[in-house]
């Protein structure tokens, strides 16, 4: 599965179906295999928070990604996020940037 398929699923399917396909996408791409279940949930929640923009074809703007990453960085100790986790989360979210 490539990112375009995942993007189309996000636009057209239910949140549960998207969650399943999102998990499959992560398993199929080894660069994201180090993400823990908690980190995957963070990414999913961030993407789903902006699902309407994705469904409308606008995607997530660079400004919104920057804001979300700033919030994560501020809460990194509480969320137990490493620098690599933050980098991977940013990469995942930027897949939905238009």
PDB file of N, CA and C in Angstrom:
ATOM      1  N   UNK A   1       0.851  -1.164   0.000  1.00  0.00           N
ATOM      2  CA  UNK A   1       0.000   0.000   0.000  1.00  0.00           C
ATOM      3  C   UNK A   1       0.902   1.235   0.000  1.00  0.00           C
ATOM      4  N   UNK A   2       0.546   2.197  -0.802  1.00  0.00           N
ATOM      5  CA  UNK A   2       1.312   3.442  -0.826  1.00  0.00           C
ATOM      6  C   UNK A   2       0.514   4.544  -0.136  1.00  0.00           C
ATOM      7  N   UNK A   3       1.133   5.697  -0.003  1.00  0.00           N
ATOM      8  CA  UNK A   3       0.506   6.793   0.724  1.00  0.00           C
ATOM      9  C   UNK A   3      -0.759   7.291   0.037  1.00  0.00           C
ATOM     10  N   UNK A   4      -0.805   7.245  -1.287  1.00  0.00           N
ATOM     11  CA  UNK A   4      -1.996   7.712  -1.990  1.00  0.00           C
ATOM     12  C   UNK A   4      -3.206   6.845  -1.647  1.00  0.00           C
ATOM     13  N   UNK A   5      -2.995   5.531  -1.559  1.00  0.00           N
ATOM     14  CA  UNK A   5      -4.090   4.639  -1.167  1.00  0.00           C
ATOM     15  C   UNK A   5      -4.564   4.965   0.250  1.00  0.00           C
ATOM     16  N   UNK A   6      -3.602   5.198   1.140  1.00  0.00           N
ATOM     17  CA  UNK A   6      -3.950   5.526   2.518  1.00  0.00           C
ATOM     18  C   UNK A   6      -4.706   6.854   2.578  1.00  0.00           C
ATOM     19  N   UNK A   7      -4.259   7.804   1.778  1.00  0.00           N
ATOM     20  CA  UNK A   7      -4.915   9.113   1.703  1.00  0.00           C
ATOM     21  C   UNK A   7      -6.354   8.944   1.208  1.00  0.00           C
ATOM     22  N   UNK A   8      -6.555   8.120   0.181  1.00  0.00           N
ATOM     23  CA  UNK A   8      -7.897   7.880  -0.356  1.00  0.00           C
ATOM     24  C   UNK A   8      -8.787   7.199   0.672  1.00  0.00           C
ATOM     25  N   UNK A   9      -8.227   6.256   1.424  1.00  0.00           N
ATOM     26  CA  UNK A   9      -8.996   5.569   2.464  1.00  0.00           C
ATOM     27  C   UNK A   9      -9.413   6.566   3.532  1.00  0.00           C
ATOM     28  N   UNK A  10      -8.499   7.464   3.909  1.00  0.00           N
ATOM     29  CA  UNK A  10      -8.827   8.483   4.914  1.00  0.00           C
ATOM     30  C   UNK A  10      -9.964   9.366   4.435  1.00  0.00           C
ATOM     31  N   UNK A  11      -9.996   9.642   3.134  1.00  0.00           N
ATOM     32  CA  UNK A  11     -11.023  10.516   2.581  1.00  0.00           C
ATOM     33  C   UNK A  11     -12.385   9.836   2.500  1.00  0.00           C
ATOM     34  N   UNK A  12     -12.397   8.531   2.268  1.00  0.00           N
ATOM     35  CA  UNK A  12     -13.653   7.869   1.918  1.00  0.00           C
ATOM     36  C   UNK A  12     -14.190   6.872   2.937  1.00  0.00           C
ATOM     37  N   UNK A  13     -13.345   6.360   3.818  1.00  0.00           N
ATOM     38  CA  UNK A  13     -13.761   5.274   4.699  1.00  0.00           C
ATOM     39  C   UNK A  13     -14.017   5.762   6.122  1.00  0.00           C
ATOM     40  N   UNK A  14     -14.556   4.860   6.917  1.00  0.00           N
ATOM     41  CA  UNK A  14     -14.816   5.158   8.325  1.00  0.00           C
ATOM     42  C   UNK A  14     -13.503   5.226   9.088  1.00  0.00           C
ATOM     43  N   UNK A  15     -13.569   5.759  10.293  1.00  0.00           N
ATOM     44  CA  UNK A  15     -12.353   5.878  11.093  1.00  0.00           C
ATOM     45  C   UNK A  15     -11.794   4.507  11.450  1.00  0.00           C
ATOM     46  N   UNK A  16     -12.647   3.536  11.672  1.00  0.00           N
ATOM     47  CA  UNK A  16     -12.166   2.194  12.025  1.00  0.00           C
ATOM     48  C   UNK A  16     -11.424   1.564  10.849  1.00  0.00           C
ATOM     49  N   UNK A  17     -11.961   1.689   9.662  1.00  0.00           N
ATOM     50  CA  UNK A  17     -11.303   1.153   8.463  1.00  0.00           C
ATOM     51  C   UNK A  17      -9.967   1.858   8.225  1.00  0.00           C
ATOM     52  N   UNK A  18      -9.958   3.177   8.420  1.00  0.00           N
ATOM     53  CA  UNK A  18      -8.723   3.929   8.258  1.00  0.00           C
ATOM     54  C   UNK A  18      -7.679   3.475   9.278  1.00  0.00           C
ATOM     55  N   UNK A  19      -8.108   3.238  10.507  1.00  0.00           N
ATOM     56  CA  UNK A  19      -7.185   2.796  11.559  1.00  0.00           C
ATOM     57  C   UNK A  19      -6.540   1.465  11.185  1.00  0.00           C
ATOM     58  N   UNK A  20      -7.323   0.552  10.633  1.00  0.00           N
ATOM     59  CA  UNK A  20      -6.798  -0.752  10.207  1.00  0.00           C
ATOM     60  C   UNK A  20      -5.781  -0.572   9.088  1.00  0.00           C
ATOM     61  N   UNK A  21      -6.132   0.210   8.089  1.00  0.00           N
ATOM     62  CA  UNK A  21      -5.233   0.432   6.951  1.00  0.00           C
ATOM     63  C   UNK A  21      -3.987   1.208   7.370  1.00  0.00           C
ATOM     64  N   UNK A  22      -4.154   2.122   8.307  1.00  0.00           N
ATOM     65  CA  UNK A  22      -3.016   2.871   8.825  1.00  0.00           C
ATOM     66  C   UNK A  22      -2.030   1.930   9.510  1.00  0.00           C
ATOM     67  N   UNK A  23      -2.535   0.993  10.302  1.00  0.00           N
ATOM     68  CA  UNK A  23      -1.674   0.005  10.960  1.00  0.00           C
ATOM     69  C   UNK A  23      -0.954  -0.860   9.934  1.00  0.00           C
ATOM     70  N   UNK A  24      -1.665  -1.260   8.889  1.00  0.00           N
ATOM     71  CA  UNK A  24      -1.042  -2.040   7.814  1.00  0.00           C
ATOM     72  C   UNK A  24       0.069  -1.234   7.143  1.00  0.00           C
ATOM     73  N   UNK A  25      -0.189   0.030   6.897  1.00  0.00           N
ATOM     74  CA  UNK A  25       0.803   0.903   6.264  1.00  0.00           C
ATOM     75  C   UNK A  25       2.079   0.955   7.096  1.00  0.00           C
ATOM     76  N   UNK A  26       1.938   1.104   8.402  1.00  0.00           N
ATOM     77  CA  UNK A  26       3.099   1.163   9.290  1.00  0.00           C
ATOM     78  C   UNK A  26       3.866  -0.151   9.263  1.00  0.00           C
ATOM     79  N   UNK A  27       3.150  -1.276   9.289  1.00  0.00           N
ATOM     80  CA  UNK A  27       3.821  -2.589   9.252  1.00  0.00           C
ATOM     81  C   UNK A  27       4.573  -2.802   7.945  1.00  0.00           C
ATOM     82  N   UNK A  28       4.036  -2.296   6.841  1.00  0.00           N
ATOM     83  CA  UNK A  28       4.648  -2.500   5.532  1.00  0.00           C
ATOM     84  C   UNK A  28       5.849  -1.601   5.276  1.00  0.00           C
ATOM     85  N   UNK A  29       6.012  -0.557   6.040  1.00  0.00           N
ATOM     86  CA  UNK A  29       7.104   0.394   5.833  1.00  0.00           C
ATOM     87  C   UNK A  29       8.070   0.318   7.010  1.00  0.00           C
ATOM     88  N   UNK A  30       9.203  -0.335   6.801  1.00  0.00           N
ATOM     89  CA  UNK A  30      10.145  -0.570   7.904  1.00  0.00           C
ATOM     90  C   UNK A  30      10.677   0.691   8.575  1.00  0.00           C
ATOM     91  N   UNK A  31      10.668   1.818   7.881  1.00  0.00           N
ATOM     92  CA  UNK A  31      11.177   3.040   8.494  1.00  0.00           C
ATOM     93  C   UNK A  31      10.302   3.511   9.661  1.00  0.00           C
ATOM     94  N   UNK A  32       9.078   2.982   9.753  1.00  0.00           N
ATOM     95  CA  UNK A  32       8.183   3.368  10.844  1.00  0.00           C
ATOM     96  C   UNK A  32       7.963   2.229  11.842  1.00  0.00           C
ATOM     97  N   UNK A  33       8.668   1.132  11.678  1.00  0.00           N
ATOM     98  CA  UNK A  33       8.444  -0.035  12.531  1.00  0.00           C
ATOM     99  C   UNK A  33       8.879   0.198  13.973  1.00  0.00           C
ATOM    100  N   UNK A  34       9.722   1.213  14.215  1.00  0.00           N
ATOM    101  CA  UNK A  34      10.165   1.470  15.581  1.00  0.00           C
ATOM    102  C   UNK A  34       9.121   2.240  16.397  1.00  0.00           C
ATOM    103  N   UNK A  35       8.033   2.692  15.754  1.00  0.00           N
ATOM    104  CA  UNK A  35       6.992   3.399  16.495  1.00  0.00           C
ATOM    105  C   UNK A  35       6.245   2.444  17.417  1.00  0.00           C
ATOM    106  N   UNK A  36       6.172   2.806  18.673  1.00  0.00           N
ATOM    107  CA  UNK A  36       5.432   1.983  19.631  1.00  0.00           C
ATOM    108  C   UNK A  36       3.930   2.157  19.408  1.00  0.00           C
ATOM    109  N   UNK A  37       3.155   1.332  20.069  1.00  0.00           N
ATOM    110  CA  UNK A  37       1.697   1.446  19.962  1.00  0.00           C
ATOM    111  C   UNK A  37       1.223   2.823  20.426  1.00  0.00           C
ATOM    112  N   UNK A  38       1.846   3.343  21.486  1.00  0.00           N
ATOM    113  CA  UNK A  38       1.467   4.660  21.993  1.00  0.00           C
ATOM    114  C   UNK A  38       1.758   5.740  20.951  1.00  0.00           C
ATOM    115  N   UNK A  39       2.914   5.629  20.298  1.00  0.00           N
ATOM    116  CA  UNK A  39       3.278   6.613  19.281  1.00  0.00           C
ATOM    117  C   UNK A  39       2.385   6.500  18.055  1.00  0.00           C
ATOM    118  N   UNK A  40       2.020   5.302  17.703  1.00  0.00           N
ATOM    119  CA  UNK A  40       1.094   5.107  16.577  1.00  0.00           C
ATOM    120  C   UNK A  40      -0.247   5.753  16.887  1.00  0.00           C
ATOM    121  N   UNK A  41      -0.670   5.619  18.134  1.00  0.00           N
ATOM    122  CA  UNK A  41      -1.937   6.237  18.540  1.00  0.00           C
ATOM    123  C   UNK A  41      -1.833   7.757  18.452  1.00  0.00           C
ATOM    124  N   UNK A  42      -0.688   8.310  18.849  1.00  0.00           N
ATOM    125  CA  UNK A  42      -0.485   9.758  18.755  1.00  0.00           C
ATOM    126  C   UNK A  42      -0.619  10.208  17.304  1.00  0.00           C
ATOM    127  N   UNK A  43       0.048   9.491  16.403  1.00  0.00           N
ATOM    128  CA  UNK A  43      -0.007   9.843  14.979  1.00  0.00           C
ATOM    129  C   UNK A  43      -1.432   9.723  14.469  1.00  0.00           C
ATOM    130  N   UNK A  44      -2.086   8.610  14.773  1.00  0.00           N
ATOM    131  CA  UNK A  44      -3.461   8.405  14.317  1.00  0.00           C
ATOM    132  C   UNK A  44      -4.367   9.517  14.830  1.00  0.00           C
ATOM    133  N   UNK A  45      -4.245   9.845  16.120  1.00  0.00           N
ATOM    134  CA  UNK A  45      -5.087  10.887  16.697  1.00  0.00           C
ATOM    135  C   UNK A  45      -4.844  12.241  16.026  1.00  0.00           C
ATOM    136  N   UNK A  46      -3.576  12.547  15.737  1.00  0.00           N
ATOM    137  CA  UNK A  46      -3.264  13.810  15.063  1.00  0.00           C
ATOM    138  C   UNK A  46      -3.845  13.851  13.657  1.00  0.00           C
ATOM    139  N   UNK A  47      -3.703  12.757  12.949  1.00  0.00           N
ATOM    140  CA  UNK A  47      -4.253  12.702  11.589  1.00  0.00           C
ATOM    141  C   UNK A  47      -5.769  12.783  11.643  1.00  0.00           C
ATOM    142  N   UNK A  48      -6.362  12.029  12.552  1.00  0.00           N
ATOM    143  CA  UNK A  48      -7.818  12.011  12.619  1.00  0.00           C
ATOM    144  C   UNK A  48      -8.383  13.341  13.116  1.00  0.00           C
ATOM    145  N   UNK A  49      -7.613  14.068  13.884  1.00  0.00           N
ATOM    146  CA  UNK A  49      -8.035  15.404  14.337  1.00  0.00           C
ATOM    147  C   UNK A  49      -8.260  16.326  13.142  1.00  0.00           C
ATOM    148  N   UNK A  50      -7.543  16.068  12.063  1.00  0.00           N
ATOM    149  CA  UNK A  50      -7.625  16.903  10.865  1.00  0.00           C
ATOM    150  C   UNK A  50      -8.234  16.144   9.681  1.00  0.00           C
ATOM    151  N   UNK A  51      -9.041  15.142   9.983  1.00  0.00           N
ATOM    152  CA  UNK A  51      -9.588  14.278   8.934  1.00  0.00           C
ATOM    153  C   UNK A  51     -10.491  15.046   7.973  1.00  0.00           C
ATOM    154  N   UNK A  52     -11.192  16.054   8.455  1.00  0.00           N
ATOM    155  CA  UNK A  52     -12.077  16.813   7.563  1.00  0.00           C
ATOM    156  C   UNK A  52     -11.279  17.519   6.473  1.00  0.00           C
ATOM    157  N   UNK A  53     -10.139  18.086   6.833  1.00  0.00           N
ATOM    158  CA  UNK A  53      -9.281  18.739   5.832  1.00  0.00           C
ATOM    159  C   UNK A  53      -8.768  17.710   4.829  1.00  0.00           C
ATOM    160  N   UNK A  54      -8.463  16.520   5.314  1.00  0.00           N
ATOM    161  CA  UNK A  54      -7.990  15.451   4.426  1.00  0.00           C
ATOM    162  C   UNK A  54      -9.117  15.012   3.507  1.00  0.00           C
ATOM    163  N   UNK A  55     -10.299  14.830   4.058  1.00  0.00           N
ATOM    164  CA  UNK A  55     -11.448  14.395   3.258  1.00  0.00           C
ATOM    165  C   UNK A  55     -11.844  15.416   2.210  1.00  0.00           C
ATOM    166  N   UNK A  56     -11.610  16.679   2.506  1.00  0.00           N
ATOM    167  CA  UNK A  56     -11.923  17.729   1.539  1.00  0.00           C
ATOM    168  C   UNK A  56     -10.819  17.899   0.508  1.00  0.00           C
ATOM    169  N   UNK A  57      -9.729  17.126   0.650  1.00  0.00           N
ATOM    170  CA  UNK A  57      -8.637  17.181  -0.309  1.00  0.00           C
ATOM    171  C   UNK A  57      -7.600  18.246  -0.018  1.00  0.00           C
ATOM    172  N   UNK A  58      -7.760  18.954   1.087  1.00  0.00           N
ATOM    173  CA  UNK A  58      -6.803  20.005   1.438  1.00  0.00           C
ATOM    174  C   UNK A  58      -5.587  19.453   2.141  1.00  0.00           C
ATOM    175  N   UNK A  59      -5.729  18.320   2.798  1.00  0.00           N
ATOM    176  CA  UNK A  59      -4.625  17.768   3.567  1.00  0.00           C
ATOM    177  C   UNK A  59      -4.357  18.596   4.813  1.00  0.00           C
ATOM    178  N   UNK A  60      -3.250  18.311   5.456  1.00  0.00           N
ATOM    179  CA  UNK A  60      -2.867  19.037   6.663  1.00  0.00           C
ATOM    180  C   UNK A  60      -1.830  20.075   6.246  1.00  0.00           C
ATOM    181  N   UNK A  61      -2.061  21.308   6.610  1.00  0.00           N
ATOM    182  CA  UNK A  61      -1.148  22.380   6.188  1.00  0.00           C
ATOM    183  C   UNK A  61       0.167  22.310   6.964  1.00  0.00           C
ATOM    184  N   UNK A  62       1.187  22.874   6.376  1.00  0.00           N
ATOM    185  CA  UNK A  62       2.490  22.929   7.026  1.00  0.00           C
ATOM    186  C   UNK A  62       2.434  23.681   8.344  1.00  0.00           C
ATOM    187  N   UNK A  63       1.632  24.731   8.378  1.00  0.00           N
ATOM    188  CA  UNK A  63       1.477  25.514   9.605  1.00  0.00           C
ATOM    189  C   UNK A  63       0.857  24.677  10.723  1.00  0.00           C
ATOM    190  N   UNK A  64      -0.174  23.912  10.399  1.00  0.00           N
ATOM    191  CA  UNK A  64      -0.831  23.058  11.392  1.00  0.00           C
ATOM    192  C   UNK A  64       0.135  21.983  11.870  1.00  0.00           C
ATOM    193  N   UNK A  65       0.905  21.405  10.957  1.00  0.00           N
ATOM    194  CA  UNK A  65       1.893  20.394  11.346  1.00  0.00           C
ATOM    195  C   UNK A  65       2.900  21.003  12.315  1.00  0.00           C
ATOM    196  N   UNK A  66       3.356  22.205  12.012  1.00  0.00           N
ATOM    197  CA  UNK A  66       4.310  22.890  12.882  1.00  0.00           C
ATOM    198  C   UNK A  66       3.708  23.108  14.274  1.00  0.00           C
ATOM    199  N   UNK A  67       2.459  23.529  14.334  1.00  0.00           N
ATOM    200  CA  UNK A  67       1.795  23.736  15.622  1.00  0.00           C
ATOM    201  C   UNK A  67       1.674  22.437  16.407  1.00  0.00           C
ATOM    202  N   UNK A  68       1.242  21.383  15.723  1.00  0.00           N
ATOM    203  CA  UNK A  68       1.067  20.092  16.385  1.00  0.00           C
ATOM    204  C   UNK A  68       2.404  19.540  16.894  1.00  0.00           C
ATOM    205  N   UNK A  69       3.445  19.693  16.100  1.00  0.00           N
ATOM    206  CA  UNK A  69       4.752  19.213  16.511  1.00  0.00           C
ATOM    207  C   UNK A  69       5.284  20.025  17.691  1.00  0.00           C
ATOM    208  N   UNK A  70       4.977  21.303  17.720  1.00  0.00           N
ATOM    209  CA  UNK A  70       5.394  22.139  18.844  1.00  0.00           C
ATOM    210  C   UNK A  70       4.725  21.647  20.135  1.00  0.00           C
ATOM    211  N   UNK A  71       3.444  21.321  20.061  1.00  0.00           N
ATOM    212  CA  UNK A  71       2.732  20.792  21.229  1.00  0.00           C
ATOM    213  C   UNK A  71       3.351  19.476  21.689  1.00  0.00           C
ATOM    214  N   UNK A  72       3.656  18.605  20.725  1.00  0.00           N
ATOM    215  CA  UNK A  72       4.281  17.328  21.076  1.00  0.00           C
ATOM    216  C   UNK A  72       5.648  17.544  21.707  1.00  0.00           C
ATOM    217  N   UNK A  73       6.428  18.462  21.148  1.00  0.00           N
ATOM    218  CA  UNK A  73       7.754  18.741  21.700  1.00  0.00           C
ATOM    219  C   UNK A  73       7.643  19.242  23.135  1.00  0.00           C
ATOM    220  N   UNK A  74       6.681  20.118  23.385  1.00  0.00           N
ATOM    221  CA  UNK A  74       6.489  20.638  24.741  1.00  0.00           C
ATOM    222  C   UNK A  74       6.083  19.537  25.718  1.00  0.00           C
ATOM    223  N   UNK A  75       5.380  18.533  25.233  1.00  0.00           N
ATOM    224  CA  UNK A  75       4.893  17.436  26.088  1.00  0.00           C
ATOM    225  C   UNK A  75       5.709  16.157  25.937  1.00  0.00           C
ATOM    226  N   UNK A  76       6.878  16.237  25.330  1.00  0.00           N
ATOM    227  CA  UNK A  76       7.651  15.043  25.005  1.00  0.00           C
ATOM    228  C   UNK A  76       8.034  14.228  26.239  1.00  0.00           C
ATOM    229  N   UNK A  77       8.329  14.878  27.343  1.00  0.00           N
ATOM    230  CA  UNK A  77       8.703  14.134  28.546  1.00  0.00           C
ATOM    231  C   UNK A  77       7.496  13.400  29.123  1.00  0.00           C
ATOM    232  N   UNK A  78       6.380  14.070  29.158  1.00  0.00           N
ATOM    233  CA  UNK A  78       5.159  13.451  29.679  1.00  0.00           C
ATOM    234  C   UNK A  78       4.733  12.266  28.796  1.00  0.00           C
ATOM    235  N   UNK A  79       4.896  12.436  27.471  1.00  0.00           N
ATOM    236  CA  UNK A  79       4.510  11.383  26.523  1.00  0.00           C
ATOM    237  C   UNK A  79       5.622  10.360  26.289  1.00  0.00           C
ATOM    238  N   UNK A  80       6.792  10.611  26.897  1.00  0.00           N
ATOM    239  CA  UNK A  80       7.955   9.723  26.768  1.00  0.00           C
ATOM    240  C   UNK A  80       8.386   9.575  25.310  1.00  0.00           C
ATOM    241  N   UNK A  81       8.502  10.700  24.616  1.00  0.00           N
ATOM    242  CA  UNK A  81       8.897  10.699  23.217  1.00  0.00           C
ATOM    243  C   UNK A  81      10.378  11.025  23.091  1.00  0.00           C
ATOM    244  N   UNK A  82      11.072  10.254  22.278  1.00  0.00           N
ATOM    245  CA  UNK A  82      12.478  10.519  21.997  1.00  0.00           C
ATOM    246  C   UNK A  82      12.570  11.424  20.766  1.00  0.00           C
ATOM    247  N   UNK A  83      13.785  11.869  20.467  1.00  0.00           N
ATOM    248  CA  UNK A  83      13.991  12.675  19.263  1.00  0.00           C
ATOM    249  C   UNK A  83      13.605  11.887  18.020  1.00  0.00           C
ATOM    250  N   UNK A  84      13.965  10.607  17.992  1.00  0.00           N
ATOM    251  CA  UNK A  84      13.605   9.756  16.843  1.00  0.00           C
ATOM    252  C   UNK A  84      12.099   9.595  16.725  1.00  0.00           C
ATOM    253  N   UNK A  85      11.422   9.458  17.850  1.00  0.00           N
ATOM    254  CA  UNK A  85       9.960   9.354  17.827  1.00  0.00           C
ATOM    255  C   UNK A  85       9.354  10.609  17.218  1.00  0.00           C
ATOM    256  N   UNK A  86       9.828  11.764  17.656  1.00  0.00           N
ATOM    257  CA  UNK A  86       9.309  13.033  17.138  1.00  0.00           C
ATOM    258  C   UNK A  86       9.567  13.155  15.640  1.00  0.00           C
ATOM    259  N   UNK A  87      10.755  12.739  15.213  1.00  0.00           N
ATOM    260  CA  UNK A  87      11.098  12.786  13.788  1.00  0.00           C
ATOM    261  C   UNK A  87      10.175  11.876  12.986  1.00  0.00           C
ATOM    262  N   UNK A  88       9.958  10.663  13.475  1.00  0.00           N
ATOM    263  CA  UNK A  88       9.086   9.720  12.774  1.00  0.00           C
ATOM    264  C   UNK A  88       7.636  10.197  12.751  1.00  0.00           C
ATOM    265  N   UNK A  89       7.182  10.764  13.848  1.00  0.00           N
ATOM    266  CA  UNK A  89       5.815  11.286  13.910  1.00  0.00           C
ATOM    267  C   UNK A  89       5.644  12.409  12.903  1.00  0.00           C
ATOM    268  N   UNK A  90       6.635  13.307  12.836  1.00  0.00           N
ATOM    269  CA  UNK A  90       6.564  14.404  11.861  1.00  0.00           C
ATOM    270  C   UNK A  90       6.507  13.847  10.433  1.00  0.00           C
ATOM    271  N   UNK A  91       7.348  12.870  10.137  1.00  0.00           N
ATOM    272  CA  UNK A  91       7.347  12.273   8.788  1.00  0.00           C
ATOM    273  C   UNK A  91       5.995  11.670   8.458  1.00  0.00           C
ATOM    274  N   UNK A  92       5.402  10.982   9.408  1.00  0.00           N
ATOM    275  CA  UNK A  92       4.101  10.346   9.176  1.00  0.00           C
ATOM    276  C   UNK A  92       3.026  11.401   8.918  1.00  0.00           C
ATOM    277  N   UNK A  93       3.011  12.442   9.720  1.00  0.00           N
ATOM    278  CA  UNK A  93       2.000  13.488   9.555  1.00  0.00           C
ATOM    279  C   UNK A  93       2.199  14.216   8.240  1.00  0.00           C
ATOM    280  N   UNK A  94       3.447  14.443   7.875  1.00  0.00           N
ATOM    281  CA  UNK A  94       3.722  15.162   6.629  1.00  0.00           C
ATOM    282  C   UNK A  94       3.315  14.365   5.395  1.00  0.00           C
ATOM    283  N   UNK A  95       3.083  13.073   5.535  1.00  0.00           N
ATOM    284  CA  UNK A  95       2.556  12.288   4.425  1.00  0.00           C
ATOM    285  C   UNK A  95       1.177  12.786   4.016  1.00  0.00           C
ATOM    286  N   UNK A  96       0.470  13.433   4.945  1.00  0.00           N
ATOM    287  CA  UNK A  96      -0.877  13.928   4.682  1.00  0.00           C
ATOM    288  C   UNK A  96      -0.896  15.419   4.374  1.00  0.00           C
ATOM    289  N   UNK A  97       0.279  15.972   4.146  1.00  0.00           N
ATOM    290  CA  UNK A  97       0.405  17.390   3.810  1.00  0.00           C
ATOM    291  C   UNK A  97       0.088  17.568   2.334  1.00  0.00           C
ATOM    292  N   UNK A  98      -0.639  18.613   2.027  1.00  0.00           N
ATOM    293  CA  UNK A  98      -0.959  18.918   0.623  1.00  0.00           C
ATOM    294  C   UNK A  98      -0.467  20.284   0.276  1.00  0.00           C
TER     295      UNK A  98
END
